């Protein structure tokens, strides 16, 4: 759970299958452009090439 939560907090892309739903929920991972099903491999590869900057304002306040 920590690995997934930290990946999300560090703005990384996350690929998952249907069985990962309880893990994502427990790690407080919300669906966004960087949290993709494994079947969307091409979109995941593109998302994994950068950080998911649009997620950052939901995670922390920057002065």
PDB file of N, CA and C in Angstrom:
ATOM      1  N   UNK A   1       0.832  -1.182   0.000  1.00  0.00           N
ATOM      2  CA  UNK A   1       0.000   0.000   0.000  1.00  0.00           C
ATOM      3  C   UNK A   1       0.883   1.254   0.000  1.00  0.00           C
ATOM      4  N   UNK A   2       1.950   1.264   0.798  1.00  0.00           N
ATOM      5  CA  UNK A   2       2.828   2.437   0.835  1.00  0.00           C
ATOM      6  C   UNK A   2       3.444   2.729  -0.523  1.00  0.00           C
ATOM      7  N   UNK A   3       3.856   1.687  -1.242  1.00  0.00           N
ATOM      8  CA  UNK A   3       4.475   1.883  -2.553  1.00  0.00           C
ATOM      9  C   UNK A   3       3.525   2.631  -3.483  1.00  0.00           C
ATOM     10  N   UNK A   4       2.267   2.220  -3.506  1.00  0.00           N
ATOM     11  CA  UNK A   4       1.271   2.856  -4.382  1.00  0.00           C
ATOM     12  C   UNK A   4       0.969   4.275  -3.904  1.00  0.00           C
ATOM     13  N   UNK A   5       0.818   4.448  -2.595  1.00  0.00           N
ATOM     14  CA  UNK A   5       0.536   5.775  -2.057  1.00  0.00           C
ATOM     15  C   UNK A   5       1.683   6.745  -2.347  1.00  0.00           C
ATOM     16  N   UNK A   6       2.926   6.274  -2.187  1.00  0.00           N
ATOM     17  CA  UNK A   6       4.075   7.133  -2.458  1.00  0.00           C
ATOM     18  C   UNK A   6       4.192   7.438  -3.950  1.00  0.00           C
ATOM     19  N   UNK A   7       3.932   6.471  -4.796  1.00  0.00           N
ATOM     20  CA  UNK A   7       3.976   6.713  -6.243  1.00  0.00           C
ATOM     21  C   UNK A   7       2.957   7.787  -6.619  1.00  0.00           C
ATOM     22  N   UNK A   8       1.772   7.701  -6.050  1.00  0.00           N
ATOM     23  CA  UNK A   8       0.738   8.701  -6.318  1.00  0.00           C
ATOM     24  C   UNK A   8       1.175  10.074  -5.805  1.00  0.00           C
ATOM     25  N   UNK A   9       1.701  10.114  -4.577  1.00  0.00           N
ATOM     26  CA  UNK A   9       2.126  11.381  -3.983  1.00  0.00           C
ATOM     27  C   UNK A   9       3.314  12.000  -4.711  1.00  0.00           C
ATOM     28  N   UNK A  10       4.138  11.162  -5.329  1.00  0.00           N
ATOM     29  CA  UNK A  10       5.281  11.664  -6.078  1.00  0.00           C
ATOM     30  C   UNK A  10       4.946  11.918  -7.544  1.00  0.00           C
ATOM     31  N   UNK A  11       3.640  11.937  -7.830  1.00  0.00           N
ATOM     32  CA  UNK A  11       3.115  12.314  -9.144  1.00  0.00           C
ATOM     33  C   UNK A  11       3.489  11.337 -10.248  1.00  0.00           C
ATOM     34  N   UNK A  12       3.679  10.077  -9.897  1.00  0.00           N
ATOM     35  CA  UNK A  12       4.024   9.044 -10.876  1.00  0.00           C
ATOM     36  C   UNK A  12       2.767   8.457 -11.498  1.00  0.00           C
ATOM     37  N   UNK A  13       2.909   7.919 -12.698  1.00  0.00           N
ATOM     38  CA  UNK A  13       1.810   7.189 -13.336  1.00  0.00           C
ATOM     39  C   UNK A  13       1.686   5.818 -12.682  1.00  0.00           C
ATOM     40  N   UNK A  14       0.471   5.302 -12.616  1.00  0.00           N
ATOM     41  CA  UNK A  14       0.203   4.001 -12.003  1.00  0.00           C
ATOM     42  C   UNK A  14      -0.686   3.203 -12.942  1.00  0.00           C
ATOM     43  N   UNK A  15      -0.242   1.994 -13.280  1.00  0.00           N
ATOM     44  CA  UNK A  15      -1.070   1.078 -14.072  1.00  0.00           C
ATOM     45  C   UNK A  15      -1.657   0.041 -13.113  1.00  0.00           C
ATOM     46  N   UNK A  16      -2.889  -0.360 -13.363  1.00  0.00           N
ATOM     47  CA  UNK A  16      -3.547  -1.316 -12.458  1.00  0.00           C
ATOM     48  C   UNK A  16      -4.507  -2.197 -13.238  1.00  0.00           C
ATOM     49  N   UNK A  17      -4.888  -3.302 -12.605  1.00  0.00           N
ATOM     50  CA  UNK A  17      -5.935  -4.151 -13.162  1.00  0.00           C
ATOM     51  C   UNK A  17      -7.148  -4.077 -12.234  1.00  0.00           C
ATOM     52  N   UNK A  18      -8.194  -4.808 -12.563  1.00  0.00           N
ATOM     53  CA  UNK A  18      -9.433  -4.738 -11.785  1.00  0.00           C
ATOM     54  C   UNK A  18      -9.230  -5.183 -10.340  1.00  0.00           C
ATOM     55  N   UNK A  19      -8.326  -6.120 -10.113  1.00  0.00           N
ATOM     56  CA  UNK A  19      -8.082  -6.637  -8.769  1.00  0.00           C
ATOM     57  C   UNK A  19      -7.399  -5.645  -7.845  1.00  0.00           C
ATOM     58  N   UNK A  20      -6.873  -4.568  -8.393  1.00  0.00           N
ATOM     59  CA  UNK A  20      -6.154  -3.582  -7.588  1.00  0.00           C
ATOM     60  C   UNK A  20      -7.070  -2.543  -6.953  1.00  0.00           C
ATOM     61  N   UNK A  21      -8.350  -2.582  -7.240  1.00  0.00           N
ATOM     62  CA  UNK A  21      -9.270  -1.563  -6.719  1.00  0.00           C
ATOM     63  C   UNK A  21      -9.205  -1.428  -5.197  1.00  0.00           C
ATOM     64  N   UNK A  22      -9.216  -2.516  -4.413  1.00  0.00           N
ATOM     65  CA  UNK A  22      -9.124  -2.346  -2.954  1.00  0.00           C
ATOM     66  C   UNK A  22      -7.800  -1.711  -2.514  1.00  0.00           C
ATOM     67  N   UNK A  23      -6.711  -2.038  -3.191  1.00  0.00           N
ATOM     68  CA  UNK A  23      -5.412  -1.452  -2.871  1.00  0.00           C
ATOM     69  C   UNK A  23      -5.402   0.043  -3.159  1.00  0.00           C
ATOM     70  N   UNK A  24      -5.905   0.433  -4.320  1.00  0.00           N
ATOM     71  CA  UNK A  24      -5.948   1.853  -4.675  1.00  0.00           C
ATOM     72  C   UNK A  24      -6.813   2.636  -3.690  1.00  0.00           C
ATOM     73  N   UNK A  25      -7.915   2.057  -3.296  1.00  0.00           N
ATOM     74  CA  UNK A  25      -8.807   2.716  -2.346  1.00  0.00           C
ATOM     75  C   UNK A  25      -8.114   2.874  -0.989  1.00  0.00           C
ATOM     76  N   UNK A  26      -7.460   1.820  -0.520  1.00  0.00           N
ATOM     77  CA  UNK A  26      -6.770   1.869   0.772  1.00  0.00           C
ATOM     78  C   UNK A  26      -5.621   2.869   0.761  1.00  0.00           C
ATOM     79  N   UNK A  27      -4.990   3.059  -0.398  1.00  0.00           N
ATOM     80  CA  UNK A  27      -3.873   3.995  -0.539  1.00  0.00           C
ATOM     81  C   UNK A  27      -4.341   5.412  -0.860  1.00  0.00           C
ATOM     82  N   UNK A  28      -5.656   5.633  -0.909  1.00  0.00           N
ATOM     83  CA  UNK A  28      -6.239   6.941  -1.245  1.00  0.00           C
ATOM     84  C   UNK A  28      -5.807   7.445  -2.617  1.00  0.00           C
ATOM     85  N   UNK A  29      -5.722   6.547  -3.566  1.00  0.00           N
ATOM     86  CA  UNK A  29      -5.364   6.894  -4.940  1.00  0.00           C
ATOM     87  C   UNK A  29      -6.648   7.174  -5.702  1.00  0.00           C
ATOM     88  N   UNK A  30      -6.758   8.382  -6.232  1.00  0.00           N
ATOM     89  CA  UNK A  30      -7.932   8.779  -7.005  1.00  0.00           C
ATOM     90  C   UNK A  30      -7.645   8.631  -8.496  1.00  0.00           C
ATOM     91  N   UNK A  31      -8.652   8.294  -9.247  1.00  0.00           N
ATOM     92  CA  UNK A  31      -8.499   8.173 -10.701  1.00  0.00           C
ATOM     93  C   UNK A  31      -8.183   9.541 -11.297  1.00  0.00           C
ATOM     94  N   UNK A  32      -7.189   9.568 -12.159  1.00  0.00           N
ATOM     95  CA  UNK A  32      -6.858  10.767 -12.924  1.00  0.00           C
ATOM     96  C   UNK A  32      -6.131  10.326 -14.186  1.00  0.00           C
ATOM     97  N   UNK A  33      -5.555  11.263 -14.913  1.00  0.00           N
ATOM     98  CA  UNK A  33      -4.914  10.949 -16.191  1.00  0.00           C
ATOM     99  C   UNK A  33      -3.696  10.043 -16.040  1.00  0.00           C
ATOM    100  N   UNK A  34      -3.152   9.917 -14.831  1.00  0.00           N
ATOM    101  CA  UNK A  34      -1.982   9.075 -14.610  1.00  0.00           C
ATOM    102  C   UNK A  34      -2.276   7.755 -13.934  1.00  0.00           C
ATOM    103  N   UNK A  35      -3.530   7.493 -13.622  1.00  0.00           N
ATOM    104  CA  UNK A  35      -3.936   6.219 -13.014  1.00  0.00           C
ATOM    105  C   UNK A  35      -4.762   5.487 -14.067  1.00  0.00           C
ATOM    106  N   UNK A  36      -4.122   4.501 -14.701  1.00  0.00           N
ATOM    107  CA  UNK A  36      -4.710   3.885 -15.889  1.00  0.00           C
ATOM    108  C   UNK A  36      -4.779   2.371 -15.779  1.00  0.00           C
ATOM    109  N   UNK A  37      -5.791   1.772 -16.392  1.00  0.00           N
ATOM    110  CA  UNK A  37      -5.850   0.317 -16.444  1.00  0.00           C
ATOM    111  C   UNK A  37      -4.713  -0.243 -17.310  1.00  0.00           C
ATOM    112  N   UNK A  38      -4.260  -1.411 -16.973  1.00  0.00           N
ATOM    113  CA  UNK A  38      -3.159  -2.048 -17.702  1.00  0.00           C
ATOM    114  C   UNK A  38      -3.485  -2.171 -19.189  1.00  0.00           C
ATOM    115  N   UNK A  39      -4.741  -2.366 -19.509  1.00  0.00           N
ATOM    116  CA  UNK A  39      -5.122  -2.558 -20.921  1.00  0.00           C
ATOM    117  C   UNK A  39      -4.852  -1.309 -21.771  1.00  0.00           C
ATOM    118  N   UNK A  40      -4.668  -0.157 -21.126  1.00  0.00           N
ATOM    119  CA  UNK A  40      -4.336   1.080 -21.847  1.00  0.00           C
ATOM    120  C   UNK A  40      -2.824   1.296 -21.837  1.00  0.00           C
ATOM    121  N   UNK A  41      -2.085   0.301 -22.301  1.00  0.00           N
ATOM    122  CA  UNK A  41      -0.621   0.321 -22.212  1.00  0.00           C
ATOM    123  C   UNK A  41      -0.012   1.534 -22.895  1.00  0.00           C
ATOM    124  N   UNK A  42      -0.494   1.891 -24.055  1.00  0.00           N
ATOM    125  CA  UNK A  42       0.081   3.031 -24.774  1.00  0.00           C
ATOM    126  C   UNK A  42      -0.120   4.335 -24.003  1.00  0.00           C
ATOM    127  N   UNK A  43      -1.295   4.528 -23.451  1.00  0.00           N
ATOM    128  CA  UNK A  43      -1.551   5.732 -22.651  1.00  0.00           C
ATOM    129  C   UNK A  43      -0.713   5.734 -21.384  1.00  0.00           C
ATOM    130  N   UNK A  44      -0.524   4.556 -20.770  1.00  0.00           N
ATOM    131  CA  UNK A  44       0.309   4.474 -19.574  1.00  0.00           C
ATOM    132  C   UNK A  44       1.756   4.827 -19.895  1.00  0.00           C
ATOM    133  N   UNK A  45       2.275   4.304 -20.992  1.00  0.00           N
ATOM    134  CA  UNK A  45       3.654   4.600 -21.386  1.00  0.00           C
ATOM    135  C   UNK A  45       3.831   6.097 -21.586  1.00  0.00           C
ATOM    136  N   UNK A  46       2.859   6.735 -22.218  1.00  0.00           N
ATOM    137  CA  UNK A  46       2.930   8.186 -22.416  1.00  0.00           C
ATOM    138  C   UNK A  46       2.870   8.920 -21.072  1.00  0.00           C
ATOM    139  N   UNK A  47       1.977   8.491 -20.187  1.00  0.00           N
ATOM    140  CA  UNK A  47       1.840   9.141 -18.879  1.00  0.00           C
ATOM    141  C   UNK A  47       3.070   8.911 -18.010  1.00  0.00           C
ATOM    142  N   UNK A  48       3.702   7.767 -18.145  1.00  0.00           N
ATOM    143  CA  UNK A  48       4.875   7.448 -17.332  1.00  0.00           C
ATOM    144  C   UNK A  48       6.097   8.254 -17.745  1.00  0.00           C
ATOM    145  N   UNK A  49       6.031   8.908 -18.883  1.00  0.00           N
ATOM    146  CA  UNK A  49       7.154   9.705 -19.360  1.00  0.00           C
ATOM    147  C   UNK A  49       7.308  11.037 -18.653  1.00  0.00           C
ATOM    148  N   UNK A  50       6.365  11.397 -17.801  1.00  0.00           N
ATOM    149  CA  UNK A  50       6.418  12.679 -17.092  1.00  0.00           C
ATOM    150  C   UNK A  50       5.695  12.539 -15.758  1.00  0.00           C
ATOM    151  N   UNK A  51       5.833  13.524 -14.929  1.00  0.00           N
ATOM    152  CA  UNK A  51       5.075  13.562 -13.675  1.00  0.00           C
ATOM    153  C   UNK A  51       3.663  14.032 -13.999  1.00  0.00           C
ATOM    154  N   UNK A  52       2.736  13.711 -13.132  1.00  0.00           N
ATOM    155  CA  UNK A  52       1.337  14.096 -13.295  1.00  0.00           C
ATOM    156  C   UNK A  52       1.098  15.400 -12.538  1.00  0.00           C
ATOM    157  N   UNK A  53       1.556  16.498 -13.118  1.00  0.00           N
ATOM    158  CA  UNK A  53       1.554  17.789 -12.437  1.00  0.00           C
ATOM    159  C   UNK A  53       0.159  18.281 -12.073  1.00  0.00           C
ATOM    160  N   UNK A  54      -0.853  17.912 -12.827  1.00  0.00           N
ATOM    161  CA  UNK A  54      -2.218  18.365 -12.512  1.00  0.00           C
ATOM    162  C   UNK A  54      -2.707  17.796 -11.187  1.00  0.00           C
ATOM    163  N   UNK A  55      -2.075  16.732 -10.718  1.00  0.00           N
ATOM    164  CA  UNK A  55      -2.446  16.100  -9.451  1.00  0.00           C
ATOM    165  C   UNK A  55      -1.917  16.886  -8.254  1.00  0.00           C
ATOM    166  N   UNK A  56      -0.857  17.611  -8.432  1.00  0.00           N
ATOM    167  CA  UNK A  56      -0.161  18.249  -7.306  1.00  0.00           C
ATOM    168  C   UNK A  56      -1.033  19.173  -6.457  1.00  0.00           C
ATOM    169  N   UNK A  57      -1.854  20.051  -7.015  1.00  0.00           N
ATOM    170  CA  UNK A  57      -2.661  20.936  -6.145  1.00  0.00           C
ATOM    171  C   UNK A  57      -3.617  20.172  -5.220  1.00  0.00           C
ATOM    172  N   UNK A  58      -3.999  18.958  -5.584  1.00  0.00           N
ATOM    173  CA  UNK A  58      -4.877  18.166  -4.722  1.00  0.00           C
ATOM    174  C   UNK A  58      -4.120  17.545  -3.549  1.00  0.00           C
ATOM    175  N   UNK A  59      -2.792  17.454  -3.677  1.00  0.00           N
ATOM    176  CA  UNK A  59      -1.990  16.753  -2.686  1.00  0.00           C
ATOM    177  C   UNK A  59      -1.320  17.668  -1.672  1.00  0.00           C
ATOM    178  N   UNK A  60      -0.954  18.880  -2.078  1.00  0.00           N
ATOM    179  CA  UNK A  60      -0.218  19.756  -1.175  1.00  0.00           C
ATOM    180  C   UNK A  60      -0.422  21.222  -1.566  1.00  0.00           C
ATOM    181  N   UNK A  61      -0.236  22.048  -0.575  1.00  0.00           N
ATOM    182  CA  UNK A  61      -0.315  23.496  -0.789  1.00  0.00           C
ATOM    183  C   UNK A  61       1.092  24.026  -1.037  1.00  0.00           C
ATOM    184  N   UNK A  62       1.249  24.807  -2.061  1.00  0.00           N
ATOM    185  CA  UNK A  62       2.538  25.431  -2.363  1.00  0.00           C
ATOM    186  C   UNK A  62       2.414  26.925  -2.160  1.00  0.00           C
ATOM    187  N   UNK A  63       3.265  27.470  -1.363  1.00  0.00           N
ATOM    188  CA  UNK A  63       3.207  28.908  -1.073  1.00  0.00           C
ATOM    189  C   UNK A  63       3.763  29.721  -2.211  1.00  0.00           C
TER     190      UNK A  63
END
